[in-house]
Amino acid sequence: MKVLIPSPLQSYTGAARVVAHGATLAALLEDLERRFPGIRFRMVDEQDRIRRHIRVFVGGEQVLELASPLGAGDEVVIVQALSGG
């Protein structure tokens, strides 16, 4: 499926869009990690939860759980919030 990568994480992928596979969000992130080492840690914390500043959308709907199922034709959009003052 197509995965849109936010600008701050493109240093891992070298592209704004990549193709990844997985039946769940967790499996998709594991696939990304195999191909782009270090990227998963930027999105998932030590308690295996999506980090506060990361939003993941599948088919336009926000996904909050790593166990959320994905379909082969889904488009996954990863958004990283900006912070600072």
PDB file of N, CA and C in Angstrom:
ATOM      1  N   MET A   1       0.824  -1.170   0.000  1.00  0.00           N
ATOM      2  CA  MET A   1       0.000   0.000   0.000  1.00  0.00           C
ATOM      3  C   MET A   1       0.876   1.245   0.000  1.00  0.00           C
ATOM      4  N   LYS A   2       0.314   2.352  -0.382  1.00  0.00           N
ATOM      5  CA  LYS A   2       1.064   3.605  -0.420  1.00  0.00           C
ATOM      6  C   LYS A   2       1.122   4.205   0.979  1.00  0.00           C
ATOM      7  N   VAL A   3       2.301   4.705   1.336  1.00  0.00           N
ATOM      8  CA  VAL A   3       2.498   5.358   2.625  1.00  0.00           C
ATOM      9  C   VAL A   3       3.109   6.724   2.362  1.00  0.00           C
ATOM     10  N   LEU A   4       2.447   7.771   2.844  1.00  0.00           N
ATOM     11  CA  LEU A   4       2.977   9.126   2.731  1.00  0.00           C
ATOM     12  C   LEU A   4       3.793   9.417   3.981  1.00  0.00           C
ATOM     13  N   ILE A   5       5.031   9.834   3.768  1.00  0.00           N
ATOM     14  CA  ILE A   5       5.994  10.056   4.839  1.00  0.00           C
ATOM     15  C   ILE A   5       6.144  11.561   5.078  1.00  0.00           C
ATOM     16  N   PRO A   6       6.050  12.017   6.338  1.00  0.00           N
ATOM     17  CA  PRO A   6       6.214  13.449   6.603  1.00  0.00           C
ATOM     18  C   PRO A   6       7.671  13.885   6.376  1.00  0.00           C
ATOM     19  N   SER A   7       7.854  15.130   6.068  1.00  0.00           N
ATOM     20  CA  SER A   7       9.190  15.668   5.778  1.00  0.00           C
ATOM     21  C   SER A   7      10.243  15.321   6.824  1.00  0.00           C
ATOM     22  N   PRO A   8       9.959  15.435   8.130  1.00  0.00           N
ATOM     23  CA  PRO A   8      11.010  15.122   9.109  1.00  0.00           C
ATOM     24  C   PRO A   8      11.488  13.668   9.076  1.00  0.00           C
ATOM     25  N   LEU A   9      10.694  12.757   8.533  1.00  0.00           N
ATOM     26  CA  LEU A   9      11.090  11.348   8.476  1.00  0.00           C
ATOM     27  C   LEU A   9      11.628  10.928   7.105  1.00  0.00           C
ATOM     28  N   GLN A  10      11.614  11.843   6.170  1.00  0.00           N
ATOM     29  CA  GLN A  10      12.101  11.512   4.830  1.00  0.00           C
ATOM     30  C   GLN A  10      13.607  11.303   4.788  1.00  0.00           C
ATOM     31  N   SER A  11      14.305  11.708   5.819  1.00  0.00           N
ATOM     32  CA  SER A  11      15.747  11.423   5.870  1.00  0.00           C
ATOM     33  C   SER A  11      15.976   9.915   5.995  1.00  0.00           C
ATOM     34  N   TYR A  12      15.008   9.187   6.507  1.00  0.00           N
ATOM     35  CA  TYR A  12      15.101   7.722   6.592  1.00  0.00           C
ATOM     36  C   TYR A  12      14.765   7.069   5.260  1.00  0.00           C
ATOM     37  N   THR A  13      13.706   7.560   4.612  1.00  0.00           N
ATOM     38  CA  THR A  13      13.199   6.901   3.403  1.00  0.00           C
ATOM     39  C   THR A  13      13.786   7.460   2.114  1.00  0.00           C
ATOM     40  N   GLY A  14      14.186   8.720   2.137  1.00  0.00           N
ATOM     41  CA  GLY A  14      14.665   9.360   0.917  1.00  0.00           C
ATOM     42  C   GLY A  14      13.555   9.704  -0.048  1.00  0.00           C
ATOM     43  N   ALA A  15      12.298   9.579   0.403  1.00  0.00           N
ATOM     44  CA  ALA A  15      11.159   9.849  -0.477  1.00  0.00           C
ATOM     45  C   ALA A  15       9.948  10.253   0.358  1.00  0.00           C
ATOM     46  N   ALA A  16       9.035  10.980  -0.267  1.00  0.00           N
ATOM     47  CA  ALA A  16       7.800  11.396   0.391  1.00  0.00           C
ATOM     48  C   ALA A  16       6.747  10.297   0.353  1.00  0.00           C
ATOM     49  N   ARG A  17       6.890   9.371  -0.572  1.00  0.00           N
ATOM     50  CA  ARG A  17       5.955   8.248  -0.705  1.00  0.00           C
ATOM     51  C   ARG A  17       6.752   6.964  -0.832  1.00  0.00           C
ATOM     52  N   VAL A  18       6.308   5.950  -0.115  1.00  0.00           N
ATOM     53  CA  VAL A  18       6.912   4.629  -0.230  1.00  0.00           C
ATOM     54  C   VAL A  18       5.787   3.605  -0.290  1.00  0.00           C
ATOM     55  N   VAL A  19       6.141   2.400  -0.670  1.00  0.00           N
ATOM     56  CA  VAL A  19       5.191   1.286  -0.652  1.00  0.00           C
ATOM     57  C   VAL A  19       5.611   0.359   0.475  1.00  0.00           C
ATOM     58  N   ALA A  20       4.639  -0.055   1.288  1.00  0.00           N
ATOM     59  CA  ALA A  20       4.915  -0.970   2.402  1.00  0.00           C
ATOM     60  C   ALA A  20       3.767  -1.963   2.495  1.00  0.00           C
ATOM     61  N   HIS A  21       4.007  -3.028   3.247  1.00  0.00           N
ATOM     62  CA  HIS A  21       3.016  -4.093   3.364  1.00  0.00           C
ATOM     63  C   HIS A  21       2.778  -4.424   4.818  1.00  0.00           C
ATOM     64  N   GLY A  22       1.548  -4.853   5.117  1.00  0.00           N
ATOM     65  CA  GLY A  22       1.202  -5.298   6.458  1.00  0.00           C
ATOM     66  C   GLY A  22      -0.296  -5.390   6.624  1.00  0.00           C
ATOM     67  N   ALA A  23      -0.741  -6.397   7.351  1.00  0.00           N
ATOM     68  CA  ALA A  23      -2.170  -6.586   7.600  1.00  0.00           C
ATOM     69  C   ALA A  23      -2.669  -5.674   8.719  1.00  0.00           C
ATOM     70  N   THR A  24      -1.734  -5.162   9.533  1.00  0.00           N
ATOM     71  CA  THR A  24      -2.071  -4.223  10.604  1.00  0.00           C
ATOM     72  C   THR A  24      -1.096  -3.056  10.538  1.00  0.00           C
ATOM     73  N   LEU A  25      -1.417  -2.000  11.268  1.00  0.00           N
ATOM     74  CA  LEU A  25      -0.495  -0.864  11.317  1.00  0.00           C
ATOM     75  C   LEU A  25       0.845  -1.295  11.901  1.00  0.00           C
ATOM     76  N   ALA A  26       0.825  -2.158  12.913  1.00  0.00           N
ATOM     77  CA  ALA A  26       2.076  -2.647  13.512  1.00  0.00           C
ATOM     78  C   ALA A  26       2.927  -3.372  12.474  1.00  0.00           C
ATOM     79  N   ALA A  27       2.312  -4.222  11.680  1.00  0.00           N
ATOM     80  CA  ALA A  27       3.053  -4.974  10.651  1.00  0.00           C
ATOM     81  C   ALA A  27       3.598  -4.034   9.581  1.00  0.00           C
ATOM     82  N   LEU A  28       2.834  -3.027   9.222  1.00  0.00           N
ATOM     83  CA  LEU A  28       3.299  -2.055   8.231  1.00  0.00           C
ATOM     84  C   LEU A  28       4.520  -1.311   8.763  1.00  0.00           C
ATOM     85  N   LEU A  29       4.478  -0.897  10.037  1.00  0.00           N
ATOM     86  CA  LEU A  29       5.615  -0.187  10.618  1.00  0.00           C
ATOM     87  C   LEU A  29       6.834  -1.096  10.737  1.00  0.00           C
ATOM     88  N   GLU A  30       6.621  -2.371  10.989  1.00  0.00           N
ATOM     89  CA  GLU A  30       7.729  -3.326  11.020  1.00  0.00           C
ATOM     90  C   GLU A  30       8.354  -3.466   9.633  1.00  0.00           C
ATOM     91  N   ASP A  31       7.513  -3.474   8.596  1.00  0.00           N
ATOM     92  CA  ASP A  31       8.028  -3.535   7.225  1.00  0.00           C
ATOM     93  C   ASP A  31       8.856  -2.289   6.919  1.00  0.00           C
ATOM     94  N   LEU A  32       8.358  -1.121   7.316  1.00  0.00           N
ATOM     95  CA  LEU A  32       9.128   0.112   7.120  1.00  0.00           C
ATOM     96  C   LEU A  32      10.452   0.047   7.871  1.00  0.00           C
ATOM     97  N   GLU A  33      10.429  -0.481   9.083  1.00  0.00           N
ATOM     98  CA  GLU A  33      11.647  -0.570   9.903  1.00  0.00           C
ATOM     99  C   GLU A  33      12.685  -1.483   9.257  1.00  0.00           C
ATOM    100  N   ARG A  34      12.246  -2.588   8.664  1.00  0.00           N
ATOM    101  CA  ARG A  34      13.190  -3.491   7.989  1.00  0.00           C
ATOM    102  C   ARG A  34      13.901  -2.785   6.832  1.00  0.00           C
ATOM    103  N   ARG A  35      13.154  -1.949   6.135  1.00  0.00           N
ATOM    104  CA  ARG A  35      13.716  -1.285   4.962  1.00  0.00           C
ATOM    105  C   ARG A  35      14.398   0.039   5.290  1.00  0.00           C
ATOM    106  N   PHE A  36      13.923   0.701   6.344  1.00  0.00           N
ATOM    107  CA  PHE A  36      14.439   2.022   6.726  1.00  0.00           C
ATOM    108  C   PHE A  36      14.728   2.015   8.234  1.00  0.00           C
ATOM    109  N   PRO A  37      15.826   1.384   8.648  1.00  0.00           N
ATOM    110  CA  PRO A  37      16.134   1.222  10.076  1.00  0.00           C
ATOM    111  C   PRO A  37      16.087   2.543  10.847  1.00  0.00           C
ATOM    112  N   GLY A  38      15.419   2.492  11.998  1.00  0.00           N
ATOM    113  CA  GLY A  38      15.313   3.654  12.866  1.00  0.00           C
ATOM    114  C   GLY A  38      14.017   4.423  12.738  1.00  0.00           C
ATOM    115  N   ILE A  39      13.271   4.215  11.667  1.00  0.00           N
ATOM    116  CA  ILE A  39      12.061   5.017  11.438  1.00  0.00           C
ATOM    117  C   ILE A  39      10.957   4.685  12.430  1.00  0.00           C
ATOM    118  N   ARG A  40      10.817   3.422  12.810  1.00  0.00           N
ATOM    119  CA  ARG A  40       9.739   3.025  13.716  1.00  0.00           C
ATOM    120  C   ARG A  40       9.879   3.712  15.071  1.00  0.00           C
ATOM    121  N   PHE A  41      11.089   3.793  15.601  1.00  0.00           N
ATOM    122  CA  PHE A  41      11.307   4.429  16.900  1.00  0.00           C
ATOM    123  C   PHE A  41      10.876   5.890  16.886  1.00  0.00           C
ATOM    124  N   ARG A  42      10.952   6.534  15.762  1.00  0.00           N
ATOM    125  CA  ARG A  42      10.508   7.933  15.652  1.00  0.00           C
ATOM    126  C   ARG A  42       8.994   8.060  15.711  1.00  0.00           C
ATOM    127  N   MET A  43       8.280   6.935  15.460  1.00  0.00           N
ATOM    128  CA  MET A  43       6.812   6.964  15.441  1.00  0.00           C
ATOM    129  C   MET A  43       6.158   6.242  16.607  1.00  0.00           C
ATOM    130  N   VAL A  44       6.875   5.277  17.203  1.00  0.00           N
ATOM    131  CA  VAL A  44       6.312   4.440  18.268  1.00  0.00           C
ATOM    132  C   VAL A  44       7.216   4.522  19.490  1.00  0.00           C
ATOM    133  N   ASP A  45       6.596   4.696  20.679  1.00  0.00           N
ATOM    134  CA  ASP A  45       7.396   4.836  21.897  1.00  0.00           C
ATOM    135  C   ASP A  45       7.744   3.477  22.512  1.00  0.00           C
ATOM    136  N   GLU A  46       8.410   3.524  23.658  1.00  0.00           N
ATOM    137  CA  GLU A  46       8.876   2.315  24.332  1.00  0.00           C
ATOM    138  C   GLU A  46       7.734   1.459  24.871  1.00  0.00           C
ATOM    139  N   GLN A  47       6.547   2.027  25.029  1.00  0.00           N
ATOM    140  CA  GLN A  47       5.373   1.282  25.481  1.00  0.00           C
ATOM    141  C   GLN A  47       4.553   0.745  24.311  1.00  0.00           C
ATOM    142  N   ASP A  48       5.126   0.805  23.116  1.00  0.00           N
ATOM    143  CA  ASP A  48       4.477   0.329  21.889  1.00  0.00           C
ATOM    144  C   ASP A  48       3.192   1.095  21.577  1.00  0.00           C
ATOM    145  N   ARG A  49       3.244   2.399  21.762  1.00  0.00           N
ATOM    146  CA  ARG A  49       2.129   3.277  21.424  1.00  0.00           C
ATOM    147  C   ARG A  49       2.610   4.322  20.431  1.00  0.00           C
ATOM    148  N   ILE A  50       1.701   4.773  19.597  1.00  0.00           N
ATOM    149  CA  ILE A  50       2.029   5.831  18.646  1.00  0.00           C
ATOM    150  C   ILE A  50       2.392   7.075  19.454  1.00  0.00           C
ATOM    151  N   ARG A  51       3.515   7.691  19.106  1.00  0.00           N
ATOM    152  CA  ARG A  51       3.987   8.873  19.845  1.00  0.00           C
ATOM    153  C   ARG A  51       2.967  10.015  19.766  1.00  0.00           C
ATOM    154  N   ARG A  52       2.965  10.867  20.796  1.00  0.00           N
ATOM    155  CA  ARG A  52       1.998  11.973  20.897  1.00  0.00           C
ATOM    156  C   ARG A  52       2.010  12.901  19.700  1.00  0.00           C
ATOM    157  N   HIS A  53       3.169  13.112  19.114  1.00  0.00           N
ATOM    158  CA  HIS A  53       3.288  14.083  18.022  1.00  0.00           C
ATOM    159  C   HIS A  53       3.090  13.456  16.638  1.00  0.00           C
ATOM    160  N   ILE A  54       2.728  12.176  16.600  1.00  0.00           N
ATOM    161  CA  ILE A  54       2.506  11.478  15.336  1.00  0.00           C
ATOM    162  C   ILE A  54       1.021  11.179  15.176  1.00  0.00           C
ATOM    163  N   ARG A  55       0.503  11.419  14.005  1.00  0.00           N
ATOM    164  CA  ARG A  55      -0.870  11.047  13.658  1.00  0.00           C
ATOM    165  C   ARG A  55      -0.784  10.136  12.438  1.00  0.00           C
ATOM    166  N   VAL A  56      -1.593   9.095  12.450  1.00  0.00           N
ATOM    167  CA  VAL A  56      -1.643   8.166  11.323  1.00  0.00           C
ATOM    168  C   VAL A  56      -3.079   8.114  10.828  1.00  0.00           C
ATOM    169  N   PHE A  57      -3.250   8.302   9.521  1.00  0.00           N
ATOM    170  CA  PHE A  57      -4.569   8.268   8.905  1.00  0.00           C
ATOM    171  C   PHE A  57      -4.599   7.160   7.859  1.00  0.00           C
ATOM    172  N   VAL A  58      -5.679   6.401   7.876  1.00  0.00           N
ATOM    173  CA  VAL A  58      -5.891   5.345   6.891  1.00  0.00           C
ATOM    174  C   VAL A  58      -7.241   5.626   6.237  1.00  0.00           C
ATOM    175  N   GLY A  59      -7.222   5.861   4.949  1.00  0.00           N
ATOM    176  CA  GLY A  59      -8.461   6.187   4.258  1.00  0.00           C
ATOM    177  C   GLY A  59      -9.132   7.434   4.801  1.00  0.00           C
ATOM    178  N   GLY A  60      -8.326   8.380   5.261  1.00  0.00           N
ATOM    179  CA  GLY A  60      -8.854   9.642   5.771  1.00  0.00           C
ATOM    180  C   GLY A  60      -9.295   9.605   7.225  1.00  0.00           C
ATOM    181  N   GLU A  61      -9.250   8.432   7.863  1.00  0.00           N
ATOM    182  CA  GLU A  61      -9.649   8.282   9.261  1.00  0.00           C
ATOM    183  C   GLU A  61      -8.416   8.086  10.140  1.00  0.00           C
ATOM    184  N   GLN A  62      -8.388   8.772  11.278  1.00  0.00           N
ATOM    185  CA  GLN A  62      -7.249   8.624  12.173  1.00  0.00           C
ATOM    186  C   GLN A  62      -7.259   7.238  12.808  1.00  0.00           C
ATOM    187  N   VAL A  63      -6.083   6.627  12.864  1.00  0.00           N
ATOM    188  CA  VAL A  63      -5.891   5.319  13.490  1.00  0.00           C
ATOM    189  C   VAL A  63      -5.084   5.547  14.759  1.00  0.00           C
ATOM    190  N   LEU A  64      -5.564   4.981  15.874  1.00  0.00           N
ATOM    191  CA  LEU A  64      -4.909   5.208  17.162  1.00  0.00           C
ATOM    192  C   LEU A  64      -4.186   3.985  17.695  1.00  0.00           C
ATOM    193  N   GLU A  65      -4.508   2.815  17.191  1.00  0.00           N
ATOM    194  CA  GLU A  65      -3.959   1.568  17.716  1.00  0.00           C
ATOM    195  C   GLU A  65      -3.081   0.866  16.685  1.00  0.00           C
ATOM    196  N   LEU A  66      -1.966   0.314  17.139  1.00  0.00           N
ATOM    197  CA  LEU A  66      -1.079  -0.424  16.236  1.00  0.00           C
ATOM    198  C   LEU A  66      -1.738  -1.691  15.711  1.00  0.00           C
ATOM    199  N   ALA A  67      -2.716  -2.223  16.437  1.00  0.00           N
ATOM    200  CA  ALA A  67      -3.409  -3.444  16.009  1.00  0.00           C
ATOM    201  C   ALA A  67      -4.476  -3.185  14.951  1.00  0.00           C
ATOM    202  N   SER A  68      -4.686  -1.929  14.568  1.00  0.00           N
ATOM    203  CA  SER A  68      -5.715  -1.598  13.574  1.00  0.00           C
ATOM    204  C   SER A  68      -5.439  -2.311  12.259  1.00  0.00           C
ATOM    205  N   PRO A  69      -6.469  -2.961  11.688  1.00  0.00           N
ATOM    206  CA  PRO A  69      -6.277  -3.684  10.429  1.00  0.00           C
ATOM    207  C   PRO A  69      -6.135  -2.736   9.243  1.00  0.00           C
ATOM    208  N   LEU A  70      -5.384  -3.181   8.242  1.00  0.00           N
ATOM    209  CA  LEU A  70      -5.192  -2.421   7.008  1.00  0.00           C
ATOM    210  C   LEU A  70      -5.603  -3.300   5.828  1.00  0.00           C
ATOM    211  N   GLY A  71      -6.104  -2.667   4.780  1.00  0.00           N
ATOM    212  CA  GLY A  71      -6.432  -3.375   3.555  1.00  0.00           C
ATOM    213  C   GLY A  71      -5.362  -3.123   2.504  1.00  0.00           C
ATOM    214  N   ALA A  72      -5.260  -4.027   1.551  1.00  0.00           N
ATOM    215  CA  ALA A  72      -4.208  -3.937   0.528  1.00  0.00           C
ATOM    216  C   ALA A  72      -4.273  -2.632  -0.263  1.00  0.00           C
ATOM    217  N   GLY A  73      -5.447  -2.076  -0.447  1.00  0.00           N
ATOM    218  CA  GLY A  73      -5.589  -0.858  -1.238  1.00  0.00           C
ATOM    219  C   GLY A  73      -5.589   0.424  -0.420  1.00  0.00           C
ATOM    220  N   ASP A  74      -5.388   0.310   0.878  1.00  0.00           N
ATOM    221  CA  ASP A  74      -5.412   1.495   1.741  1.00  0.00           C
ATOM    222  C   ASP A  74      -4.228   2.416   1.457  1.00  0.00           C
ATOM    223  N   GLU A  75      -4.460   3.693   1.695  1.00  0.00           N
ATOM    224  CA  GLU A  75      -3.376   4.663   1.671  1.00  0.00           C
ATOM    225  C   GLU A  75      -3.153   5.116   3.108  1.00  0.00           C
ATOM    226  N   VAL A  76      -1.930   5.071   3.564  1.00  0.00           N
ATOM    227  CA  VAL A  76      -1.583   5.445   4.935  1.00  0.00           C
ATOM    228  C   VAL A  76      -0.846   6.785   4.879  1.00  0.00           C
ATOM    229  N   VAL A  77      -1.333   7.727   5.668  1.00  0.00           N
ATOM    230  CA  VAL A  77      -0.729   9.047   5.729  1.00  0.00           C
ATOM    231  C   VAL A  77      -0.193   9.237   7.142  1.00  0.00           C
ATOM    232  N   ILE A  78       1.097   9.476   7.255  1.00  0.00           N
ATOM    233  CA  ILE A  78       1.732   9.736   8.546  1.00  0.00           C
ATOM    234  C   ILE A  78       1.988  11.232   8.631  1.00  0.00           C
ATOM    235  N   VAL A  79       1.528  11.836   9.724  1.00  0.00           N
ATOM    236  CA  VAL A  79       1.670  13.272   9.920  1.00  0.00           C
ATOM    237  C   VAL A  79       2.430  13.488  11.216  1.00  0.00           C
ATOM    238  N   GLN A  80       3.421  14.357  11.175  1.00  0.00           N
ATOM    239  CA  GLN A  80       4.173  14.694  12.383  1.00  0.00           C
ATOM    240  C   GLN A  80       3.857  16.130  12.742  1.00  0.00           C
ATOM    241  N   ALA A  81       3.356  16.319  13.965  1.00  0.00           N
ATOM    242  CA  ALA A  81       3.008  17.654  14.429  1.00  0.00           C
ATOM    243  C   ALA A  81       4.261  18.486  14.637  1.00  0.00           C
ATOM    244  N   LEU A  82       4.132  19.768  14.419  1.00  0.00           N
ATOM    245  CA  LEU A  82       5.225  20.706  14.680  1.00  0.00           C
ATOM    246  C   LEU A  82       5.113  21.180  16.115  1.00  0.00           C
ATOM    247  N   SER A  83       6.230  21.407  16.741  1.00  0.00           N
ATOM    248  CA  SER A  83       6.201  21.912  18.114  1.00  0.00           C
ATOM    249  C   SER A  83       7.244  22.999  18.262  1.00  0.00           C
ATOM    250  N   GLY A  84       7.169  23.646  19.361  1.00  0.00           N
ATOM    251  CA  GLY A  84       8.113  24.724  19.606  1.00  0.00           C
ATOM    252  C   GLY A  84       7.385  26.022  19.876  1.00  0.00           C
ATOM    253  N   GLY A  85       8.134  27.061  20.029  1.00  0.00           N
ATOM    254  CA  GLY A  85       7.468  28.318  20.351  1.00  0.00           C
ATOM    255  C   GLY A  85       8.133  29.469  19.702  1.00  0.00           C
TER     256      GLY A  85
END
